[in-house]
């Protein structure tokens, strides 16, 4: 699938912002199709910046019942660890041990 043509100008602006600020990572929201963030990633690469997809975050939903992400505290912990792991290289933050 492709992005709706009405969303393309916004996606282009977002890609330009990511490339110009050299943002190292972007994230997939758990309730949004991954193809949307992949389109932003490709548009950013077309502007000369290779942004990584840093992982999946939870915002409008918790993880599956019975998993750590299935609780509010577990969801927040997962999001923080995912963001830190994607944006701060381990050599710069040796105290942060991300559990996967």
PDB file of N, CA and C in Angstrom:
ATOM      1  N   UNK A   1       0.815  -1.190   0.000  1.00  0.00           N
ATOM      2  CA  UNK A   1       0.000   0.000   0.000  1.00  0.00           C
ATOM      3  C   UNK A   1       0.855   1.249   0.000  1.00  0.00           C
ATOM      4  N   UNK A   2       0.240   2.321  -0.407  1.00  0.00           N
ATOM      5  CA  UNK A   2       0.924   3.606  -0.435  1.00  0.00           C
ATOM      6  C   UNK A   2       0.172   4.586   0.435  1.00  0.00           C
ATOM      7  N   UNK A   3       0.807   5.695   0.711  1.00  0.00           N
ATOM      8  CA  UNK A   3       0.153   6.733   1.494  1.00  0.00           C
ATOM      9  C   UNK A   3      -0.915   7.413   0.668  1.00  0.00           C
ATOM     10  N   UNK A   4      -1.978   7.804   1.303  1.00  0.00           N
ATOM     11  CA  UNK A   4      -3.023   8.611   0.692  1.00  0.00           C
ATOM     12  C   UNK A   4      -2.382   9.884   0.147  1.00  0.00           C
ATOM     13  N   UNK A   5      -2.738  10.287  -1.077  1.00  0.00           N
ATOM     14  CA  UNK A   5      -2.107  11.451  -1.710  1.00  0.00           C
ATOM     15  C   UNK A   5      -2.298  12.730  -0.906  1.00  0.00           C
ATOM     16  N   UNK A   6      -3.328  12.809  -0.068  1.00  0.00           N
ATOM     17  CA  UNK A   6      -3.528  14.007   0.753  1.00  0.00           C
ATOM     18  C   UNK A   6      -2.507  14.091   1.884  1.00  0.00           C
ATOM     19  N   UNK A   7      -1.860  12.977   2.200  1.00  0.00           N
ATOM     20  CA  UNK A   7      -0.883  12.953   3.290  1.00  0.00           C
ATOM     21  C   UNK A   7       0.552  13.154   2.806  1.00  0.00           C
ATOM     22  N   UNK A   8       0.770  13.114   1.504  1.00  0.00           N
ATOM     23  CA  UNK A   8       2.125  13.197   0.963  1.00  0.00           C
ATOM     24  C   UNK A   8       2.817  14.519   1.288  1.00  0.00           C
ATOM     25  N   UNK A   9       2.176  15.687   1.150  1.00  0.00           N
ATOM     26  CA  UNK A   9       2.888  16.930   1.510  1.00  0.00           C
ATOM     27  C   UNK A   9       3.374  16.942   2.960  1.00  0.00           C
ATOM     28  N   UNK A  10       2.574  16.453   3.879  1.00  0.00           N
ATOM     29  CA  UNK A  10       2.989  16.386   5.280  1.00  0.00           C
ATOM     30  C   UNK A  10       4.141  15.423   5.481  1.00  0.00           C
ATOM     31  N   UNK A  11       4.109  14.304   4.783  1.00  0.00           N
ATOM     32  CA  UNK A  11       5.183  13.322   4.874  1.00  0.00           C
ATOM     33  C   UNK A  11       6.475  13.914   4.320  1.00  0.00           C
ATOM     34  N   UNK A  12       6.383  14.671   3.239  1.00  0.00           N
ATOM     35  CA  UNK A  12       7.580  15.309   2.673  1.00  0.00           C
ATOM     36  C   UNK A  12       8.167  16.336   3.642  1.00  0.00           C
ATOM     37  N   UNK A  13       7.307  17.113   4.279  1.00  0.00           N
ATOM     38  CA  UNK A  13       7.794  18.096   5.259  1.00  0.00           C
ATOM     39  C   UNK A  13       8.465  17.392   6.439  1.00  0.00           C
ATOM     40  N   UNK A  14       7.864  16.304   6.881  1.00  0.00           N
ATOM     41  CA  UNK A  14       8.443  15.536   7.980  1.00  0.00           C
ATOM     42  C   UNK A  14       9.804  14.970   7.581  1.00  0.00           C
ATOM     43  N   UNK A  15       9.903  14.421   6.383  1.00  0.00           N
ATOM     44  CA  UNK A  15      11.177  13.871   5.907  1.00  0.00           C
ATOM     45  C   UNK A  15      12.240  14.958   5.812  1.00  0.00           C
ATOM     46  N   UNK A  16      11.854  16.141   5.356  1.00  0.00           N
ATOM     47  CA  UNK A  16      12.799  17.259   5.265  1.00  0.00           C
ATOM     48  C   UNK A  16      13.293  17.661   6.660  1.00  0.00           C
ATOM     49  N   UNK A  17      12.393  17.701   7.625  1.00  0.00           N
ATOM     50  CA  UNK A  17      12.764  18.030   9.003  1.00  0.00           C
ATOM     51  C   UNK A  17      13.729  16.993   9.573  1.00  0.00           C
ATOM     52  N   UNK A  18      13.424  15.732   9.382  1.00  0.00           N
ATOM     53  CA  UNK A  18      14.275  14.649   9.892  1.00  0.00           C
ATOM     54  C   UNK A  18      15.662  14.731   9.269  1.00  0.00           C
ATOM     55  N   UNK A  19      15.716  14.937   7.953  1.00  0.00           N
ATOM     56  CA  UNK A  19      17.005  15.009   7.255  1.00  0.00           C
ATOM     57  C   UNK A  19      17.793  16.250   7.661  1.00  0.00           C
ATOM     58  N   UNK A  20      17.130  17.390   7.738  1.00  0.00           N
ATOM     59  CA  UNK A  20      17.846  18.635   8.044  1.00  0.00           C
ATOM     60  C   UNK A  20      18.375  18.656   9.477  1.00  0.00           C
ATOM     61  N   UNK A  21      17.670  18.010  10.377  1.00  0.00           N
ATOM     62  CA  UNK A  21      18.114  17.974  11.784  1.00  0.00           C
ATOM     63  C   UNK A  21      18.911  16.719  12.114  1.00  0.00           C
ATOM     64  N   UNK A  22      19.061  15.848  11.112  1.00  0.00           N
ATOM     65  CA  UNK A  22      19.844  14.613  11.247  1.00  0.00           C
ATOM     66  C   UNK A  22      19.363  13.777  12.442  1.00  0.00           C
ATOM     67  N   UNK A  23      18.081  13.617  12.514  1.00  0.00           N
ATOM     68  CA  UNK A  23      17.461  12.824  13.578  1.00  0.00           C
ATOM     69  C   UNK A  23      17.813  11.356  13.337  1.00  0.00           C
ATOM     70  N   UNK A  24      18.364  10.659  14.332  1.00  0.00           N
ATOM     71  CA  UNK A  24      18.857   9.305  14.104  1.00  0.00           C
ATOM     72  C   UNK A  24      17.792   8.219  14.030  1.00  0.00           C
ATOM     73  N   UNK A  25      16.638   8.436  14.647  1.00  0.00           N
ATOM     74  CA  UNK A  25      15.647   7.365  14.677  1.00  0.00           C
ATOM     75  C   UNK A  25      14.223   7.875  14.678  1.00  0.00           C
ATOM     76  N   UNK A  26      13.360   7.104  14.031  1.00  0.00           N
ATOM     77  CA  UNK A  26      11.918   7.347  14.053  1.00  0.00           C
ATOM     78  C   UNK A  26      11.259   6.056  14.516  1.00  0.00           C
ATOM     79  N   UNK A  27      10.007   6.136  14.904  1.00  0.00           N
ATOM     80  CA  UNK A  27       9.380   4.999  15.561  1.00  0.00           C
ATOM     81  C   UNK A  27       8.035   4.639  14.945  1.00  0.00           C
ATOM     82  N   UNK A  28       7.719   3.359  15.041  1.00  0.00           N
ATOM     83  CA  UNK A  28       6.432   2.831  14.598  1.00  0.00           C
ATOM     84  C   UNK A  28       5.492   2.882  15.792  1.00  0.00           C
ATOM     85  N   UNK A  29       4.297   3.400  15.587  1.00  0.00           N
ATOM     86  CA  UNK A  29       3.278   3.409  16.644  1.00  0.00           C
ATOM     87  C   UNK A  29       2.490   2.114  16.504  1.00  0.00           C
ATOM     88  N   UNK A  30       2.246   1.438  17.593  1.00  0.00           N
ATOM     89  CA  UNK A  30       1.704   0.079  17.557  1.00  0.00           C
ATOM     90  C   UNK A  30       0.373  -0.052  16.837  1.00  0.00           C
ATOM     91  N   UNK A  31      -0.419   1.002  16.781  1.00  0.00           N
ATOM     92  CA  UNK A  31      -1.729   0.879  16.133  1.00  0.00           C
ATOM     93  C   UNK A  31      -1.762   1.489  14.731  1.00  0.00           C
ATOM     94  N   UNK A  32      -0.599   1.830  14.168  1.00  0.00           N
ATOM     95  CA  UNK A  32      -0.516   2.435  12.837  1.00  0.00           C
ATOM     96  C   UNK A  32       0.269   1.491  11.926  1.00  0.00           C
ATOM     97  N   UNK A  33      -0.163   1.325  10.673  1.00  0.00           N
ATOM     98  CA  UNK A  33       0.558   0.427   9.765  1.00  0.00           C
ATOM     99  C   UNK A  33       2.030   0.834   9.597  1.00  0.00           C
ATOM    100  N   UNK A  34       2.928  -0.149   9.643  1.00  0.00           N
ATOM    101  CA  UNK A  34       4.364   0.098   9.531  1.00  0.00           C
ATOM    102  C   UNK A  34       4.716   0.738   8.192  1.00  0.00           C
ATOM    103  N   UNK A  35       3.931   0.503   7.160  1.00  0.00           N
ATOM    104  CA  UNK A  35       4.246   1.061   5.841  1.00  0.00           C
ATOM    105  C   UNK A  35       4.276   2.588   5.868  1.00  0.00           C
ATOM    106  N   UNK A  36       3.518   3.206   6.771  1.00  0.00           N
ATOM    107  CA  UNK A  36       3.530   4.667   6.858  1.00  0.00           C
ATOM    108  C   UNK A  36       4.898   5.179   7.303  1.00  0.00           C
ATOM    109  N   UNK A  37       5.476   4.575   8.313  1.00  0.00           N
ATOM    110  CA  UNK A  37       6.784   5.021   8.794  1.00  0.00           C
ATOM    111  C   UNK A  37       7.874   4.633   7.806  1.00  0.00           C
ATOM    112  N   UNK A  38       7.692   3.525   7.095  1.00  0.00           N
ATOM    113  CA  UNK A  38       8.653   3.142   6.064  1.00  0.00           C
ATOM    114  C   UNK A  38       8.657   4.163   4.923  1.00  0.00           C
ATOM    115  N   UNK A  39       7.499   4.724   4.602  1.00  0.00           N
ATOM    116  CA  UNK A  39       7.430   5.762   3.568  1.00  0.00           C
ATOM    117  C   UNK A  39       8.182   7.012   4.008  1.00  0.00           C
ATOM    118  N   UNK A  40       8.063   7.372   5.270  1.00  0.00           N
ATOM    119  CA  UNK A  40       8.815   8.515   5.803  1.00  0.00           C
ATOM    120  C   UNK A  40      10.312   8.210   5.748  1.00  0.00           C
ATOM    121  N   UNK A  41      10.691   7.001   6.101  1.00  0.00           N
ATOM    122  CA  UNK A  41      12.099   6.605   6.059  1.00  0.00           C
ATOM    123  C   UNK A  41      12.649   6.720   4.635  1.00  0.00           C
ATOM    124  N   UNK A  42      11.908   6.232   3.661  1.00  0.00           N
ATOM    125  CA  UNK A  42      12.359   6.307   2.266  1.00  0.00           C
ATOM    126  C   UNK A  42      12.454   7.752   1.786  1.00  0.00           C
ATOM    127  N   UNK A  43      11.484   8.578   2.150  1.00  0.00           N
ATOM    128  CA  UNK A  43      11.515   9.989   1.759  1.00  0.00           C
ATOM    129  C   UNK A  43      12.705  10.699   2.395  1.00  0.00           C
ATOM    130  N   UNK A  44      13.055  10.306   3.603  1.00  0.00           N
ATOM    131  CA  UNK A  44      14.212  10.892   4.283  1.00  0.00           C
ATOM    132  C   UNK A  44      15.505  10.453   3.604  1.00  0.00           C
ATOM    133  N   UNK A  45      15.583   9.189   3.231  1.00  0.00           N
ATOM    134  CA  UNK A  45      16.769   8.698   2.505  1.00  0.00           C
ATOM    135  C   UNK A  45      16.938   9.441   1.183  1.00  0.00           C
ATOM    136  N   UNK A  46      15.829   9.744   0.519  1.00  0.00           N
ATOM    137  CA  UNK A  46      15.886  10.481  -0.748  1.00  0.00           C
ATOM    138  C   UNK A  46      16.459  11.883  -0.553  1.00  0.00           C
ATOM    139  N   UNK A  47      16.444  12.372   0.673  1.00  0.00           N
ATOM    140  CA  UNK A  47      17.000  13.690   1.000  1.00  0.00           C
ATOM    141  C   UNK A  47      18.410  13.581   1.577  1.00  0.00           C
ATOM    142  N   UNK A  48      18.999  12.392   1.482  1.00  0.00           N
ATOM    143  CA  UNK A  48      20.391  12.221   1.868  1.00  0.00           C
ATOM    144  C   UNK A  48      20.655  11.857   3.314  1.00  0.00           C
ATOM    145  N   UNK A  49      19.627  11.476   4.056  1.00  0.00           N
ATOM    146  CA  UNK A  49      19.831  11.088   5.456  1.00  0.00           C
ATOM    147  C   UNK A  49      19.239   9.707   5.683  1.00  0.00           C
ATOM    148  N   UNK A  50      20.029   8.812   6.259  1.00  0.00           N
ATOM    149  CA  UNK A  50      19.578   7.442   6.507  1.00  0.00           C
ATOM    150  C   UNK A  50      19.076   7.330   7.942  1.00  0.00           C
ATOM    151  N   UNK A  51      17.796   7.571   8.122  1.00  0.00           N
ATOM    152  CA  UNK A  51      17.186   7.489   9.446  1.00  0.00           C
ATOM    153  C   UNK A  51      16.790   6.039   9.725  1.00  0.00           C
ATOM    154  N   UNK A  52      17.031   5.593  10.945  1.00  0.00           N
ATOM    155  CA  UNK A  52      16.678   4.227  11.336  1.00  0.00           C
ATOM    156  C   UNK A  52      15.260   4.186  11.896  1.00  0.00           C
ATOM    157  N   UNK A  53      14.600   3.053  11.693  1.00  0.00           N
ATOM    158  CA  UNK A  53      13.334   2.817  12.384  1.00  0.00           C
ATOM    159  C   UNK A  53      13.720   2.204  13.722  1.00  0.00           C
ATOM    160  N   UNK A  54      13.471   2.956  14.794  1.00  0.00           N
ATOM    161  CA  UNK A  54      13.980   2.607  16.113  1.00  0.00           C
ATOM    162  C   UNK A  54      13.178   1.579  16.879  1.00  0.00           C
ATOM    163  N   UNK A  55      12.050   1.162  16.366  1.00  0.00           N
ATOM    164  CA  UNK A  55      11.246   0.176  17.060  1.00  0.00           C
ATOM    165  C   UNK A  55       9.807   0.627  17.189  1.00  0.00           C
ATOM    166  N   UNK A  56       9.021  -0.206  17.850  1.00  0.00           N
ATOM    167  CA  UNK A  56       7.591   0.050  18.007  1.00  0.00           C
ATOM    168  C   UNK A  56       7.309   0.655  19.376  1.00  0.00           C
ATOM    169  N   UNK A  57       6.510   1.709  19.371  1.00  0.00           N
ATOM    170  CA  UNK A  57       6.074   2.349  20.613  1.00  0.00           C
ATOM    171  C   UNK A  57       4.578   2.153  20.791  1.00  0.00           C
ATOM    172  N   UNK A  58       4.141   2.200  22.025  1.00  0.00           N
ATOM    173  CA  UNK A  58       2.723   2.101  22.351  1.00  0.00           C
ATOM    174  C   UNK A  58       2.227   3.476  22.775  1.00  0.00           C
ATOM    175  N   UNK A  59       1.111   3.910  22.189  1.00  0.00           N
ATOM    176  CA  UNK A  59       0.534   5.186  22.639  1.00  0.00           C
ATOM    177  C   UNK A  59      -0.964   5.052  22.867  1.00  0.00           C
ATOM    178  N   UNK A  60      -1.681   4.584  21.870  1.00  0.00           N
ATOM    179  CA  UNK A  60      -3.133   4.444  21.993  1.00  0.00           C
ATOM    180  C   UNK A  60      -3.546   3.060  22.464  1.00  0.00           C
ATOM    181  N   UNK A  61      -2.568   2.194  22.693  1.00  0.00           N
ATOM    182  CA  UNK A  61      -2.893   0.826  23.082  1.00  0.00           C
ATOM    183  C   UNK A  61      -1.770   0.268  23.948  1.00  0.00           C
ATOM    184  N   UNK A  62      -2.119  -0.675  24.789  1.00  0.00           N
ATOM    185  CA  UNK A  62      -1.127  -1.418  25.556  1.00  0.00           C
ATOM    186  C   UNK A  62      -0.694  -2.615  24.728  1.00  0.00           C
ATOM    187  N   UNK A  63       0.326  -3.307  25.189  1.00  0.00           N
ATOM    188  CA  UNK A  63       0.732  -4.543  24.550  1.00  0.00           C
ATOM    189  C   UNK A  63      -0.282  -5.643  24.834  1.00  0.00           C
ATOM    190  N   UNK A  64       0.033  -6.831  24.382  1.00  0.00           N
ATOM    191  CA  UNK A  64      -0.858  -7.976  24.572  1.00  0.00           C
ATOM    192  C   UNK A  64      -0.999  -8.315  26.052  1.00  0.00           C
ATOM    193  N   UNK A  65      -2.197  -8.751  26.465  1.00  0.00           N
ATOM    194  CA  UNK A  65      -2.386  -9.167  27.859  1.00  0.00           C
ATOM    195  C   UNK A  65      -1.385 -10.272  28.220  1.00  0.00           C
ATOM    196  N   UNK A  66      -0.875 -10.214  29.435  1.00  0.00           N
ATOM    197  CA  UNK A  66       0.073 -11.219  29.894  1.00  0.00           C
ATOM    198  C   UNK A  66       1.525 -10.907  29.563  1.00  0.00           C
ATOM    199  N   UNK A  67       1.768  -9.818  28.831  1.00  0.00           N
ATOM    200  CA  UNK A  67       3.138  -9.393  28.533  1.00  0.00           C
ATOM    201  C   UNK A  67       3.467  -8.177  29.389  1.00  0.00           C
ATOM    202  N   UNK A  68       4.749  -7.881  29.581  1.00  0.00           N
ATOM    203  CA  UNK A  68       5.079  -6.670  30.348  1.00  0.00           C
ATOM    204  C   UNK A  68       4.444  -5.410  29.745  1.00  0.00           C
ATOM    205  N   UNK A  69       4.401  -5.330  28.408  1.00  0.00           N
ATOM    206  CA  UNK A  69       3.830  -4.162  27.741  1.00  0.00           C
ATOM    207  C   UNK A  69       2.308  -4.100  27.872  1.00  0.00           C
ATOM    208  N   UNK A  70       1.715  -5.159  28.392  1.00  0.00           N
ATOM    209  CA  UNK A  70       0.270  -5.209  28.579  1.00  0.00           C
ATOM    210  C   UNK A  70      -0.216  -4.437  29.794  1.00  0.00           C
ATOM    211  N   UNK A  71       0.725  -3.913  30.586  1.00  0.00           N
ATOM    212  CA  UNK A  71       0.377  -3.058  31.722  1.00  0.00           C
ATOM    213  C   UNK A  71       0.849  -1.641  31.418  1.00  0.00           C
ATOM    214  N   UNK A  72       0.263  -0.664  32.087  1.00  0.00           N
ATOM    215  CA  UNK A  72       0.658   0.724  31.838  1.00  0.00           C
ATOM    216  C   UNK A  72       2.134   0.944  32.166  1.00  0.00           C
ATOM    217  N   UNK A  73       2.571   0.469  33.317  1.00  0.00           N
ATOM    218  CA  UNK A  73       3.970   0.643  33.719  1.00  0.00           C
ATOM    219  C   UNK A  73       4.895  -0.071  32.735  1.00  0.00           C
ATOM    220  N   UNK A  74       4.537  -1.271  32.337  1.00  0.00           N
ATOM    221  CA  UNK A  74       5.349  -2.017  31.373  1.00  0.00           C
ATOM    222  C   UNK A  74       5.402  -1.340  30.018  1.00  0.00           C
ATOM    223  N   UNK A  75       4.287  -0.751  29.592  1.00  0.00           N
ATOM    224  CA  UNK A  75       4.240  -0.035  28.321  1.00  0.00           C
ATOM    225  C   UNK A  75       5.151   1.181  28.360  1.00  0.00           C
ATOM    226  N   UNK A  76       5.093   1.946  29.447  1.00  0.00           N
ATOM    227  CA  UNK A  76       5.949   3.132  29.572  1.00  0.00           C
ATOM    228  C   UNK A  76       7.418   2.711  29.600  1.00  0.00           C
ATOM    229  N   UNK A  77       7.741   1.681  30.363  1.00  0.00           N
ATOM    230  CA  UNK A  77       9.126   1.188  30.430  1.00  0.00           C
ATOM    231  C   UNK A  77       9.607   0.777  29.035  1.00  0.00           C
ATOM    232  N   UNK A  78       8.779   0.029  28.322  1.00  0.00           N
ATOM    233  CA  UNK A  78       9.129  -0.397  26.962  1.00  0.00           C
ATOM    234  C   UNK A  78       9.408   0.810  26.072  1.00  0.00           C
ATOM    235  N   UNK A  79       8.522   1.807  26.109  1.00  0.00           N
ATOM    236  CA  UNK A  79       8.693   2.989  25.261  1.00  0.00           C
ATOM    237  C   UNK A  79       9.992   3.724  25.579  1.00  0.00           C
ATOM    238  N   UNK A  80      10.266   3.937  26.861  1.00  0.00           N
ATOM    239  CA  UNK A  80      11.490   4.651  27.258  1.00  0.00           C
ATOM    240  C   UNK A  80      12.725   3.874  26.809  1.00  0.00           C
ATOM    241  N   UNK A  81      12.755   2.582  27.061  1.00  0.00           N
ATOM    242  CA  UNK A  81      13.912   1.773  26.674  1.00  0.00           C
ATOM    243  C   UNK A  81      14.095   1.749  25.163  1.00  0.00           C
ATOM    244  N   UNK A  82      13.002   1.673  24.411  1.00  0.00           N
ATOM    245  CA  UNK A  82      13.073   1.665  22.950  1.00  0.00           C
ATOM    246  C   UNK A  82      13.611   2.987  22.421  1.00  0.00           C
ATOM    247  N   UNK A  83      13.133   4.091  22.966  1.00  0.00           N
ATOM    248  CA  UNK A  83      13.592   5.416  22.527  1.00  0.00           C
ATOM    249  C   UNK A  83      15.068   5.610  22.859  1.00  0.00           C
ATOM    250  N   UNK A  84      15.459   5.287  24.076  1.00  0.00           N
ATOM    251  CA  UNK A  84      16.860   5.456  24.480  1.00  0.00           C
ATOM    252  C   UNK A  84      17.774   4.595  23.614  1.00  0.00           C
ATOM    253  N   UNK A  85      17.395   3.347  23.384  1.00  0.00           N
ATOM    254  CA  UNK A  85      18.229   2.446  22.584  1.00  0.00           C
ATOM    255  C   UNK A  85      18.407   2.963  21.159  1.00  0.00           C
ATOM    256  N   UNK A  86      17.382   3.587  20.605  1.00  0.00           N
ATOM    257  CA  UNK A  86      17.461   4.066  19.225  1.00  0.00           C
ATOM    258  C   UNK A  86      18.196   5.392  19.093  1.00  0.00           C
ATOM    259  N   UNK A  87      18.110   6.240  20.087  1.00  0.00           N
ATOM    260  CA  UNK A  87      18.652   7.590  19.955  1.00  0.00           C
ATOM    261  C   UNK A  87      20.010   7.799  20.609  1.00  0.00           C
ATOM    262  N   UNK A  88      20.374   6.954  21.564  1.00  0.00           N
ATOM    263  CA  UNK A  88      21.656   7.109  22.248  1.00  0.00           C
ATOM    264  C   UNK A  88      22.463   5.828  22.044  1.00  0.00           C
ATOM    265  N   UNK A  89      23.554   5.910  21.276  1.00  0.00           N
ATOM    266  CA  UNK A  89      24.370   4.709  21.084  1.00  0.00           C
ATOM    267  C   UNK A  89      24.850   4.157  22.422  1.00  0.00           C
ATOM    268  N   UNK A  90      24.918   2.828  22.567  1.00  0.00           N
ATOM    269  CA  UNK A  90      25.309   2.209  23.842  1.00  0.00           C
ATOM    270  C   UNK A  90      26.655   2.704  24.367  1.00  0.00           C
ATOM    271  N   UNK A  91      27.593   3.040  23.491  1.00  0.00           N
ATOM    272  CA  UNK A  91      28.900   3.513  23.947  1.00  0.00           C
ATOM    273  C   UNK A  91      28.802   4.865  24.634  1.00  0.00           C
ATOM    274  N   UNK A  92      27.747   5.633  24.329  1.00  0.00           N
ATOM    275  CA  UNK A  92      27.557   6.934  24.960  1.00  0.00           C
ATOM    276  C   UNK A  92      26.720   6.844  26.230  1.00  0.00           C
ATOM    277  N   UNK A  93      26.066   5.716  26.435  1.00  0.00           N
ATOM    278  CA  UNK A  93      25.195   5.560  27.591  1.00  0.00           C
ATOM    279  C   UNK A  93      25.361   4.152  28.162  1.00  0.00           C
ATOM    280  N   UNK A  94      26.544   3.840  28.704  1.00  0.00           N
ATOM    281  CA  UNK A  94      26.800   2.473  29.167  1.00  0.00           C
ATOM    282  C   UNK A  94      25.951   2.046  30.359  1.00  0.00           C
ATOM    283  N   UNK A  95      25.343   2.987  31.081  1.00  0.00           N
ATOM    284  CA  UNK A  95      24.527   2.605  32.233  1.00  0.00           C
ATOM    285  C   UNK A  95      23.147   2.130  31.823  1.00  0.00           C
ATOM    286  N   UNK A  96      22.738   2.400  30.603  1.00  0.00           N
ATOM    287  CA  UNK A  96      21.403   2.007  30.145  1.00  0.00           C
ATOM    288  C   UNK A  96      21.481   0.615  29.545  1.00  0.00           C
ATOM    289  N   UNK A  97      20.968  -0.346  30.251  1.00  0.00           N
ATOM    290  CA  UNK A  97      20.921  -1.711  29.759  1.00  0.00           C
ATOM    291  C   UNK A  97      19.505  -1.988  29.285  1.00  0.00           C
ATOM    292  N   UNK A  98      19.319  -2.087  27.991  1.00  0.00           N
ATOM    293  CA  UNK A  98      17.988  -2.286  27.433  1.00  0.00           C
ATOM    294  C   UNK A  98      17.679  -3.771  27.394  1.00  0.00           C
ATOM    295  N   UNK A  99      16.613  -4.153  28.053  1.00  0.00           N
ATOM    296  CA  UNK A  99      16.160  -5.545  28.035  1.00  0.00           C
ATOM    297  C   UNK A  99      15.249  -5.747  26.844  1.00  0.00           C
ATOM    298  N   UNK A 100      15.460  -6.771  26.108  1.00  0.00           N
ATOM    299  CA  UNK A 100      14.620  -7.060  24.933  1.00  0.00           C
ATOM    300  C   UNK A 100      13.802  -8.287  25.158  1.00  0.00           C
TER     301      UNK A 100
END
